[in-house]
């Protein structure tokens, strides 16, 4: 990843992404993506990861046809004015494009930092261009819980959860919190409220 001077905007993005959860795999993808999308929305960068924001659009090129007829002098003057306007628009576009590229680079770095070290290799194919949309899509395809087997494994883990009372290493409060965390992962995987009757 190329280095660049940290701007005030980049510092704002870092502040927004503070406290972002780590993605470890399928077991916590739904919770991770929900939190990250909220932060991306706040950073006005959700369109980047969803492929809806490809950056600023360059201005249209002015008409380059040479002036003809008796109005040639007037047309030449108009063409010069259009050229000056175009140059000013291009300067503005280049500045906007640079800002957008820096923002995309920042978002890419922050996404990678939210990945557990065991899976951050998935960012490698997208690193050269800081392709945030490609990385986001790849993570979704790899870790989104979509199969019956995935949901079944989460549910079995919830059913088999036991209080670690053999060596008194876990309090009841700690066990209840662990139970809530496991149940939340299952709910996230299902994409909606948990109905015990449907899981029997």
C-alpha atoms as a PDB file:
ATOM      1  CA  UNK A   1       0.000   0.000   0.000  1.00  0.00           C
ATOM      2  CA  UNK A   2       1.405   3.378  -0.973  1.00  0.00           C
ATOM      3  CA  UNK A   3       2.064   5.825   1.820  1.00  0.00           C
ATOM      4  CA  UNK A   4       0.693   9.349   1.788  1.00  0.00           C
ATOM      5  CA  UNK A   5       0.506  12.357   4.061  1.00  0.00           C
ATOM      6  CA  UNK A   6      -2.293  12.013   6.583  1.00  0.00           C
ATOM      7  CA  UNK A   7      -4.882  14.724   5.959  1.00  0.00           C
ATOM      8  CA  UNK A   8      -7.530  16.042   8.318  1.00  0.00           C
ATOM      9  CA  UNK A   9     -10.096  14.004   6.392  1.00  0.00           C
ATOM     10  CA  UNK A  10      -8.066  10.833   6.895  1.00  0.00           C
ATOM     11  CA  UNK A  11      -7.840  11.514  10.620  1.00  0.00           C
ATOM     12  CA  UNK A  12     -11.634  11.894  10.665  1.00  0.00           C
ATOM     13  CA  UNK A  13     -12.010   8.486   8.986  1.00  0.00           C
ATOM     14  CA  UNK A  14      -9.699   6.907  11.560  1.00  0.00           C
ATOM     15  CA  UNK A  15     -11.807   8.403  14.339  1.00  0.00           C
ATOM     16  CA  UNK A  16     -15.003   7.043  12.773  1.00  0.00           C
ATOM     17  CA  UNK A  17     -13.507   3.557  12.470  1.00  0.00           C
ATOM     18  CA  UNK A  18     -12.223   3.421  16.051  1.00  0.00           C
ATOM     19  CA  UNK A  19     -13.734   0.470  17.882  1.00  0.00           C
ATOM     20  CA  UNK A  20     -14.555  -1.397  14.672  1.00  0.00           C
ATOM     21  CA  UNK A  21     -14.900  -5.152  15.311  1.00  0.00           C
ATOM     22  CA  UNK A  22     -12.482  -7.698  13.883  1.00  0.00           C
ATOM     23  CA  UNK A  23     -13.687 -10.119  11.247  1.00  0.00           C
ATOM     24  CA  UNK A  24     -12.566 -13.684  11.998  1.00  0.00           C
ATOM     25  CA  UNK A  25     -14.769 -15.657   9.625  1.00  0.00           C
ATOM     26  CA  UNK A  26     -18.313 -16.841   8.999  1.00  0.00           C
ATOM     27  CA  UNK A  27     -19.183 -16.877  12.687  1.00  0.00           C
ATOM     28  CA  UNK A  28     -19.064 -13.082  13.005  1.00  0.00           C
ATOM     29  CA  UNK A  29     -19.392 -11.781   9.431  1.00  0.00           C
ATOM     30  CA  UNK A  30     -22.967 -10.496   9.792  1.00  0.00           C
ATOM     31  CA  UNK A  31     -22.214  -8.520  12.928  1.00  0.00           C
ATOM     32  CA  UNK A  32     -18.968  -7.180  11.437  1.00  0.00           C
ATOM     33  CA  UNK A  33     -20.577  -6.106   8.153  1.00  0.00           C
ATOM     34  CA  UNK A  34     -23.485  -4.410   9.939  1.00  0.00           C
ATOM     35  CA  UNK A  35     -21.161  -2.304  12.090  1.00  0.00           C
ATOM     36  CA  UNK A  36     -18.803  -1.536   9.202  1.00  0.00           C
ATOM     37  CA  UNK A  37     -21.651  -0.417   6.933  1.00  0.00           C
ATOM     38  CA  UNK A  38     -22.825   1.999   9.617  1.00  0.00           C
ATOM     39  CA  UNK A  39     -19.335   3.449   9.892  1.00  0.00           C
ATOM     40  CA  UNK A  40     -18.962   3.614   6.108  1.00  0.00           C
ATOM     41  CA  UNK A  41     -22.282   5.444   5.862  1.00  0.00           C
ATOM     42  CA  UNK A  42     -21.100   7.929   8.465  1.00  0.00           C
ATOM     43  CA  UNK A  43     -17.880   8.379   6.494  1.00  0.00           C
ATOM     44  CA  UNK A  44     -19.886   8.872   3.269  1.00  0.00           C
ATOM     45  CA  UNK A  45     -18.028   5.912   1.767  1.00  0.00           C
ATOM     46  CA  UNK A  46     -20.675   3.203   1.594  1.00  0.00           C
ATOM     47  CA  UNK A  47     -21.018   3.715  -2.152  1.00  0.00           C
ATOM     48  CA  UNK A  48     -17.340   2.836  -2.572  1.00  0.00           C
ATOM     49  CA  UNK A  49     -17.630  -0.645  -1.079  1.00  0.00           C
ATOM     50  CA  UNK A  50     -20.953  -1.312  -2.802  1.00  0.00           C
ATOM     51  CA  UNK A  51     -19.561  -0.343  -6.198  1.00  0.00           C
ATOM     52  CA  UNK A  52     -21.906   2.621  -6.629  1.00  0.00           C
ATOM     53  CA  UNK A  53     -19.270   5.350  -6.290  1.00  0.00           C
ATOM     54  CA  UNK A  54     -16.535   5.301  -8.940  1.00  0.00           C
ATOM     55  CA  UNK A  55     -15.319   8.800  -8.235  1.00  0.00           C
ATOM     56  CA  UNK A  56     -15.885  12.220  -9.811  1.00  0.00           C
ATOM     57  CA  UNK A  57     -16.742  12.449 -13.508  1.00  0.00           C
ATOM     58  CA  UNK A  58     -14.406  14.425 -15.805  1.00  0.00           C
ATOM     59  CA  UNK A  59     -15.897  17.437 -17.615  1.00  0.00           C
ATOM     60  CA  UNK A  60     -16.932  17.065 -21.287  1.00  0.00           C
ATOM     61  CA  UNK A  61     -14.319  18.028 -23.852  1.00  0.00           C
ATOM     62  CA  UNK A  62     -15.187  21.303 -25.646  1.00  0.00           C
ATOM     63  CA  UNK A  63     -16.019  21.261 -29.341  1.00  0.00           C
ATOM     64  CA  UNK A  64     -12.751  21.289 -31.308  1.00  0.00           C
ATOM     65  CA  UNK A  65     -14.229  22.031 -34.758  1.00  0.00           C
ATOM     66  CA  UNK A  66     -12.499  25.016 -36.460  1.00  0.00           C
ATOM     67  CA  UNK A  67     -14.610  28.172 -37.024  1.00  0.00           C
ATOM     68  CA  UNK A  68     -16.058  28.629 -40.513  1.00  0.00           C
ATOM     69  CA  UNK A  69     -17.696  31.476 -42.509  1.00  0.00           C
ATOM     70  CA  UNK A  70     -18.004  35.168 -41.649  1.00  0.00           C
ATOM     71  CA  UNK A  71     -18.479  34.458 -37.959  1.00  0.00           C
ATOM     72  CA  UNK A  72     -15.025  32.927 -37.668  1.00  0.00           C
ATOM     73  CA  UNK A  73     -13.558  35.602 -35.346  1.00  0.00           C
ATOM     74  CA  UNK A  74     -16.530  35.424 -33.002  1.00  0.00           C
ATOM     75  CA  UNK A  75     -16.390  31.634 -33.015  1.00  0.00           C
ATOM     76  CA  UNK A  76     -12.672  31.715 -32.257  1.00  0.00           C
ATOM     77  CA  UNK A  77     -13.260  33.949 -29.240  1.00  0.00           C
ATOM     78  CA  UNK A  78     -16.019  31.664 -28.022  1.00  0.00           C
ATOM     79  CA  UNK A  79     -13.784  28.638 -28.484  1.00  0.00           C
ATOM     80  CA  UNK A  80     -11.066  30.262 -26.381  1.00  0.00           C
ATOM     81  CA  UNK A  81     -13.547  30.994 -23.618  1.00  0.00           C
ATOM     82  CA  UNK A  82     -14.767  27.405 -23.707  1.00  0.00           C
ATOM     83  CA  UNK A  83     -11.172  26.184 -23.542  1.00  0.00           C
ATOM     84  CA  UNK A  84     -10.461  28.349 -20.492  1.00  0.00           C
ATOM     85  CA  UNK A  85     -13.607  27.072 -18.795  1.00  0.00           C
ATOM     86  CA  UNK A  86     -12.609  23.520 -19.642  1.00  0.00           C
ATOM     87  CA  UNK A  87      -9.121  23.965 -18.166  1.00  0.00           C
ATOM     88  CA  UNK A  88     -10.615  25.339 -14.942  1.00  0.00           C
ATOM     89  CA  UNK A  89     -13.062  22.423 -14.784  1.00  0.00           C
ATOM     90  CA  UNK A  90     -10.237  19.939 -15.371  1.00  0.00           C
ATOM     91  CA  UNK A  91      -8.182  21.461 -12.552  1.00  0.00           C
ATOM     92  CA  UNK A  92     -11.164  21.138 -10.242  1.00  0.00           C
ATOM     93  CA  UNK A  93     -11.765  17.578 -11.433  1.00  0.00           C
ATOM     94  CA  UNK A  94      -8.132  16.561 -10.842  1.00  0.00           C
ATOM     95  CA  UNK A  95      -8.253  17.898  -7.287  1.00  0.00           C
ATOM     96  CA  UNK A  96     -11.520  16.085  -6.609  1.00  0.00           C
ATOM     97  CA  UNK A  97     -10.108  12.893  -8.120  1.00  0.00           C
ATOM     98  CA  UNK A  98      -6.998  13.056  -5.947  1.00  0.00           C
ATOM     99  CA  UNK A  99      -9.123  13.574  -2.835  1.00  0.00           C
ATOM    100  CA  UNK A 100     -11.339  10.652  -3.833  1.00  0.00           C
ATOM    101  CA  UNK A 101      -8.347   8.370  -4.449  1.00  0.00           C
ATOM    102  CA  UNK A 102      -6.862   9.257  -1.044  1.00  0.00           C
ATOM    103  CA  UNK A 103     -10.205   8.562   0.604  1.00  0.00           C
ATOM    104  CA  UNK A 104     -10.467   5.204  -1.166  1.00  0.00           C
ATOM    105  CA  UNK A 105      -6.958   4.325  -0.054  1.00  0.00           C
ATOM    106  CA  UNK A 106      -7.802   5.237   3.535  1.00  0.00           C
ATOM    107  CA  UNK A 107     -10.979   3.135   3.459  1.00  0.00           C
ATOM    108  CA  UNK A 108      -9.038   0.181   2.055  1.00  0.00           C
ATOM    109  CA  UNK A 109      -6.424   0.390   4.815  1.00  0.00           C
ATOM    110  CA  UNK A 110      -9.113   0.624   7.498  1.00  0.00           C
ATOM    111  CA  UNK A 111     -10.954  -2.379   6.045  1.00  0.00           C
ATOM    112  CA  UNK A 112      -7.784  -4.455   6.053  1.00  0.00           C
ATOM    113  CA  UNK A 113      -7.069  -3.438   9.632  1.00  0.00           C
ATOM    114  CA  UNK A 114     -10.506  -4.731  10.625  1.00  0.00           C
ATOM    115  CA  UNK A 115      -9.592  -8.239   9.411  1.00  0.00           C
ATOM    116  CA  UNK A 116      -8.125 -10.819  11.746  1.00  0.00           C
ATOM    117  CA  UNK A 117      -4.515 -11.684  10.915  1.00  0.00           C
ATOM    118  CA  UNK A 118      -5.594 -15.191   9.887  1.00  0.00           C
ATOM    119  CA  UNK A 119      -7.710 -13.891   6.983  1.00  0.00           C
ATOM    120  CA  UNK A 120      -6.092 -10.595   5.967  1.00  0.00           C
ATOM    121  CA  UNK A 121      -4.449 -12.439   3.065  1.00  0.00           C
ATOM    122  CA  UNK A 122      -7.745 -11.975   1.235  1.00  0.00           C
ATOM    123  CA  UNK A 123      -6.870  -8.310   0.732  1.00  0.00           C
ATOM    124  CA  UNK A 124      -3.712  -9.095  -1.277  1.00  0.00           C
ATOM    125  CA  UNK A 125      -5.351  -9.357  -4.749  1.00  0.00           C
ATOM    126  CA  UNK A 126      -6.950  -5.928  -4.273  1.00  0.00           C
ATOM    127  CA  UNK A 127      -4.020  -4.128  -2.667  1.00  0.00           C
ATOM    128  CA  UNK A 128      -2.333  -2.650  -5.754  1.00  0.00           C
ATOM    129  CA  UNK A 129      -5.365  -0.542  -6.701  1.00  0.00           C
ATOM    130  CA  UNK A 130      -6.940  -0.333  -3.233  1.00  0.00           C
ATOM    131  CA  UNK A 131     -10.057  -1.943  -4.698  1.00  0.00           C
ATOM    132  CA  UNK A 132     -12.439  -1.552  -1.756  1.00  0.00           C
ATOM    133  CA  UNK A 133     -15.426  -2.844  -3.721  1.00  0.00           C
ATOM    134  CA  UNK A 134     -13.565  -5.964  -4.806  1.00  0.00           C
ATOM    135  CA  UNK A 135     -12.389  -6.675  -1.260  1.00  0.00           C
ATOM    136  CA  UNK A 136     -15.844  -6.115   0.233  1.00  0.00           C
ATOM    137  CA  UNK A 137     -17.456  -8.397  -2.346  1.00  0.00           C
ATOM    138  CA  UNK A 138     -14.830 -11.095  -1.779  1.00  0.00           C
ATOM    139  CA  UNK A 139     -15.330 -11.041   1.996  1.00  0.00           C
ATOM    140  CA  UNK A 140     -19.084 -11.259   1.585  1.00  0.00           C
ATOM    141  CA  UNK A 141     -18.834 -14.235  -0.754  1.00  0.00           C
ATOM    142  CA  UNK A 142     -16.336 -16.002   1.508  1.00  0.00           C
ATOM    143  CA  UNK A 143     -17.837 -15.442   4.952  1.00  0.00           C
ATOM    144  CA  UNK A 144     -21.531 -14.586   4.651  1.00  0.00           C
ATOM    145  CA  UNK A 145     -23.549 -17.355   6.333  1.00  0.00           C
ATOM    146  CA  UNK A 146     -25.772 -18.709   3.592  1.00  0.00           C
ATOM    147  CA  UNK A 147     -25.840 -22.496   3.842  1.00  0.00           C
ATOM    148  CA  UNK A 148     -27.908 -24.806   6.025  1.00  0.00           C
ATOM    149  CA  UNK A 149     -24.673 -26.412   7.238  1.00  0.00           C
ATOM    150  CA  UNK A 150     -23.340 -23.051   8.446  1.00  0.00           C
ATOM    151  CA  UNK A 151     -26.525 -22.256  10.358  1.00  0.00           C
ATOM    152  CA  UNK A 152     -26.685 -25.794  11.745  1.00  0.00           C
ATOM    153  CA  UNK A 153     -23.152 -25.496  13.114  1.00  0.00           C
ATOM    154  CA  UNK A 154     -24.008 -22.227  14.834  1.00  0.00           C
ATOM    155  CA  UNK A 155     -27.167 -23.736  16.306  1.00  0.00           C
ATOM    156  CA  UNK A 156     -25.367 -26.864  17.536  1.00  0.00           C
ATOM    157  CA  UNK A 157     -22.789 -24.623  19.168  1.00  0.00           C
ATOM    158  CA  UNK A 158     -25.578 -22.818  20.996  1.00  0.00           C
ATOM    159  CA  UNK A 159     -27.163 -26.094  22.124  1.00  0.00           C
ATOM    160  CA  UNK A 160     -23.903 -27.569  23.394  1.00  0.00           C
ATOM    161  CA  UNK A 161     -22.810 -24.483  25.318  1.00  0.00           C
ATOM    162  CA  UNK A 162     -22.153 -25.448  28.925  1.00  0.00           C
ATOM    163  CA  UNK A 163     -21.197 -23.577  32.059  1.00  0.00           C
ATOM    164  CA  UNK A 164     -17.512 -24.003  32.885  1.00  0.00           C
ATOM    165  CA  UNK A 165     -18.145 -24.910  36.530  1.00  0.00           C
ATOM    166  CA  UNK A 166     -15.745 -27.810  36.838  1.00  0.00           C
ATOM    167  CA  UNK A 167     -12.820 -25.605  37.871  1.00  0.00           C
ATOM    168  CA  UNK A 168     -14.887 -22.575  38.911  1.00  0.00           C
ATOM    169  CA  UNK A 169     -13.193 -20.550  36.173  1.00  0.00           C
ATOM    170  CA  UNK A 170     -16.411 -18.962  34.897  1.00  0.00           C
ATOM    171  CA  UNK A 171     -19.073 -17.076  36.796  1.00  0.00           C
ATOM    172  CA  UNK A 172     -22.758 -17.327  35.978  1.00  0.00           C
ATOM    173  CA  UNK A 173     -22.658 -13.768  34.645  1.00  0.00           C
ATOM    174  CA  UNK A 174     -19.771 -14.644  32.324  1.00  0.00           C
ATOM    175  CA  UNK A 175     -21.607 -17.740  31.104  1.00  0.00           C
ATOM    176  CA  UNK A 176     -24.777 -15.730  30.409  1.00  0.00           C
ATOM    177  CA  UNK A 177     -22.752 -13.207  28.422  1.00  0.00           C
ATOM    178  CA  UNK A 178     -21.137 -16.009  26.418  1.00  0.00           C
ATOM    179  CA  UNK A 179     -24.598 -17.473  25.793  1.00  0.00           C
ATOM    180  CA  UNK A 180     -25.908 -14.105  24.583  1.00  0.00           C
ATOM    181  CA  UNK A 181     -22.907 -13.664  22.271  1.00  0.00           C
ATOM    182  CA  UNK A 182     -23.408 -17.126  20.732  1.00  0.00           C
ATOM    183  CA  UNK A 183     -27.137 -16.515  20.307  1.00  0.00           C
ATOM    184  CA  UNK A 184     -26.474 -13.138  18.654  1.00  0.00           C
ATOM    185  CA  UNK A 185     -24.156 -14.787  16.131  1.00  0.00           C
ATOM    186  CA  UNK A 186     -26.881 -17.286  15.289  1.00  0.00           C
ATOM    187  CA  UNK A 187     -29.480 -14.540  14.885  1.00  0.00           C
ATOM    188  CA  UNK A 188     -27.101 -12.596  12.653  1.00  0.00           C
ATOM    189  CA  UNK A 189     -26.497 -15.687  10.563  1.00  0.00           C
ATOM    190  CA  UNK A 190     -30.218 -16.241  10.120  1.00  0.00           C
ATOM    191  CA  UNK A 191     -30.741 -12.610   9.230  1.00  0.00           C
ATOM    192  CA  UNK A 192     -33.685 -12.230  11.619  1.00  0.00           C
ATOM    193  CA  UNK A 193     -35.195 -13.095  15.014  1.00  0.00           C
ATOM    194  CA  UNK A 194     -34.566 -16.565  16.373  1.00  0.00           C
ATOM    195  CA  UNK A 195     -37.604 -18.875  16.638  1.00  0.00           C
ATOM    196  CA  UNK A 196     -36.612 -21.985  18.673  1.00  0.00           C
ATOM    197  CA  UNK A 197     -39.549 -23.997  17.307  1.00  0.00           C
ATOM    198  CA  UNK A 198     -38.279 -23.688  13.725  1.00  0.00           C
ATOM    199  CA  UNK A 199     -34.852 -24.968  14.733  1.00  0.00           C
ATOM    200  CA  UNK A 200     -36.014 -28.274  16.199  1.00  0.00           C
END
